[in-house]
Amino acid sequence: MNGRRRWPWLLVLVAVGVWFGWRALQRQSAPPAAAAARRTPPATKPAGPVDLVKHDGAAIDFSSGRAVIKNSPADRAAVARAVQSMDEAAKDVTFEPAATPPPPAKPAPAKP
């Protein structure tokens, strides 16, 4: 009877041992490049302020984390197309005048 009770525990111990062994092999076999890819990149400094008046009409690219001024003819044409598209989309947009706020309530007279 004792032999029957040990059998399930032996299977559990073997399964746990196989799992730990497989896990250790997976961690050792990872190439260094994969380990480096799992690390988060260092935080970059935020881009400094950009003088928008000085760069009017130029494209400012923030995709690298820094403000990169792009002022080639292709970039200027893309900005002109975008402005024209926005103007066409907004030409029929109107807004109702803001509602005037109601006058403030008069304070209640003081009770004697």
Protein backbone atom coordinates (compact mmCIF):
# COMPACT_ATOMS: atom_id res chain seq x y z
CA MET A 1 0.00 0.00 0.00
CA ASN A 2 2.88 2.36 0.71
CA GLY A 3 4.21 1.96 -2.82
CA ARG A 4 0.91 3.13 -4.31
CA ARG A 5 0.86 6.36 -2.31
CA ARG A 6 4.37 7.36 -3.32
CA TRP A 7 3.74 6.94 -7.03
CA PRO A 8 1.73 10.23 -7.61
CA TRP A 9 4.22 12.25 -5.55
CA LEU A 10 7.10 10.84 -7.55
CA LEU A 11 5.38 11.92 -10.79
CA VAL A 12 4.81 15.43 -9.41
CA LEU A 13 8.46 15.74 -8.36
CA VAL A 14 9.69 14.52 -11.76
CA ALA A 15 7.38 16.99 -13.55
CA VAL A 16 8.61 19.89 -11.41
CA GLY A 17 12.22 18.87 -12.01
CA VAL A 18 11.68 18.69 -15.78
CA TRP A 19 10.04 22.11 -15.74
CA PHE A 20 12.91 23.71 -13.78
CA GLY A 21 15.47 22.09 -16.08
CA TRP A 22 13.68 23.26 -19.20
CA ARG A 23 13.42 26.79 -17.76
CA ALA A 24 17.14 26.88 -16.95
CA LEU A 25 18.04 25.73 -20.47
CA GLN A 26 15.80 28.37 -22.03
CA ARG A 27 17.43 31.14 -20.04
CA GLN A 28 20.96 29.98 -20.93
CA SER A 29 20.28 29.48 -24.62
CA ALA A 30 18.98 33.04 -25.22
CA PRO A 31 21.49 34.90 -27.42
CA PRO A 32 22.96 38.12 -25.99
CA ALA A 33 21.21 40.20 -28.65
CA ALA A 34 17.82 38.96 -27.47
CA ALA A 35 18.70 39.83 -23.89
CA ALA A 36 19.72 43.33 -24.97
CA ALA A 37 16.46 43.74 -26.89
CA ARG A 38 14.47 42.95 -23.75
CA ARG A 39 16.09 45.81 -21.87
CA THR A 40 14.37 49.16 -22.07
CA PRO A 41 16.28 51.87 -23.91
CA PRO A 42 17.68 54.70 -21.81
CA ALA A 43 15.47 57.73 -21.53
CA THR A 44 16.46 60.57 -23.80
CA LYS A 45 16.46 64.18 -22.75
CA PRO A 46 13.34 66.05 -23.85
CA ALA A 47 13.72 68.27 -26.85
CA GLY A 48 14.27 71.93 -26.12
CA PRO A 49 11.75 74.59 -27.12
CA VAL A 50 11.46 75.36 -30.81
CA ASP A 51 10.89 78.91 -32.06
CA LEU A 52 7.86 78.38 -34.30
CA VAL A 53 7.92 81.90 -35.71
CA LYS A 54 11.48 81.41 -36.91
CA HIS A 55 10.51 78.12 -38.64
CA ASP A 56 7.16 79.17 -40.08
CA GLY A 57 6.15 76.85 -42.91
CA ALA A 58 8.85 74.29 -42.14
CA ALA A 59 8.13 70.73 -41.05
CA ILE A 60 9.27 69.91 -37.54
CA ASP A 61 9.84 66.17 -37.04
CA PHE A 62 9.64 64.88 -33.46
CA SER A 63 9.74 61.15 -34.33
CA SER A 64 13.32 60.79 -33.06
CA GLY A 65 12.54 62.45 -29.73
CA ARG A 66 14.21 65.68 -30.77
CA ALA A 67 12.95 68.55 -32.88
CA VAL A 68 14.41 68.18 -36.37
CA ILE A 69 13.63 71.02 -38.77
CA LYS A 70 12.92 69.78 -42.28
CA ASN A 71 12.71 72.52 -44.88
CA SER A 72 13.30 70.78 -48.21
CA PRO A 73 11.07 71.58 -51.21
CA ALA A 74 9.25 68.26 -50.74
CA ASP A 75 8.57 69.10 -47.09
CA ARG A 76 7.32 72.59 -47.98
CA ALA A 77 5.00 71.08 -50.63
CA ALA A 78 3.65 68.57 -48.10
CA VAL A 79 2.98 71.38 -45.60
CA ALA A 80 1.22 73.43 -48.30
CA ARG A 81 -0.97 70.43 -49.24
CA ALA A 82 -1.84 69.82 -45.59
CA VAL A 83 -2.77 73.48 -45.03
CA GLN A 84 -4.92 73.49 -48.18
CA SER A 85 -6.63 70.28 -47.07
CA MET A 86 -7.37 71.71 -43.62
CA ASP A 87 -8.69 74.95 -45.11
CA GLU A 88 -11.03 73.01 -47.45
CA ALA A 89 -12.27 70.85 -44.58
CA ALA A 90 -12.97 73.84 -42.34
CA LYS A 91 -14.44 76.27 -44.90
CA ASP A 92 -18.09 75.45 -44.05
CA VAL A 93 -17.61 75.13 -40.31
CA THR A 94 -19.43 77.77 -38.30
CA PHE A 95 -19.89 78.20 -34.61
CA GLU A 96 -22.88 79.61 -32.80
CA PRO A 97 -22.22 82.61 -30.61
CA ALA A 98 -21.60 81.79 -27.01
CA ALA A 99 -24.70 81.98 -24.85
CA THR A 100 -24.72 84.91 -22.50
CA PRO A 101 -24.56 83.79 -18.91
CA PRO A 102 -27.64 84.53 -16.80
CA PRO A 103 -27.34 87.49 -14.45
CA PRO A 104 -26.17 86.62 -10.96
CA ALA A 105 -28.92 85.90 -8.47
CA LYS A 106 -29.75 88.69 -6.05
CA PRO A 107 -28.85 87.87 -2.46
CA ALA A 108 -31.77 87.19 -0.18
CA PRO A 109 -32.64 90.03 2.16
CA ALA A 110 -31.29 89.68 5.67
CA LYS A 111 -33.79 88.41 8.22
CA PRO A 112 -34.28 90.59 11.28
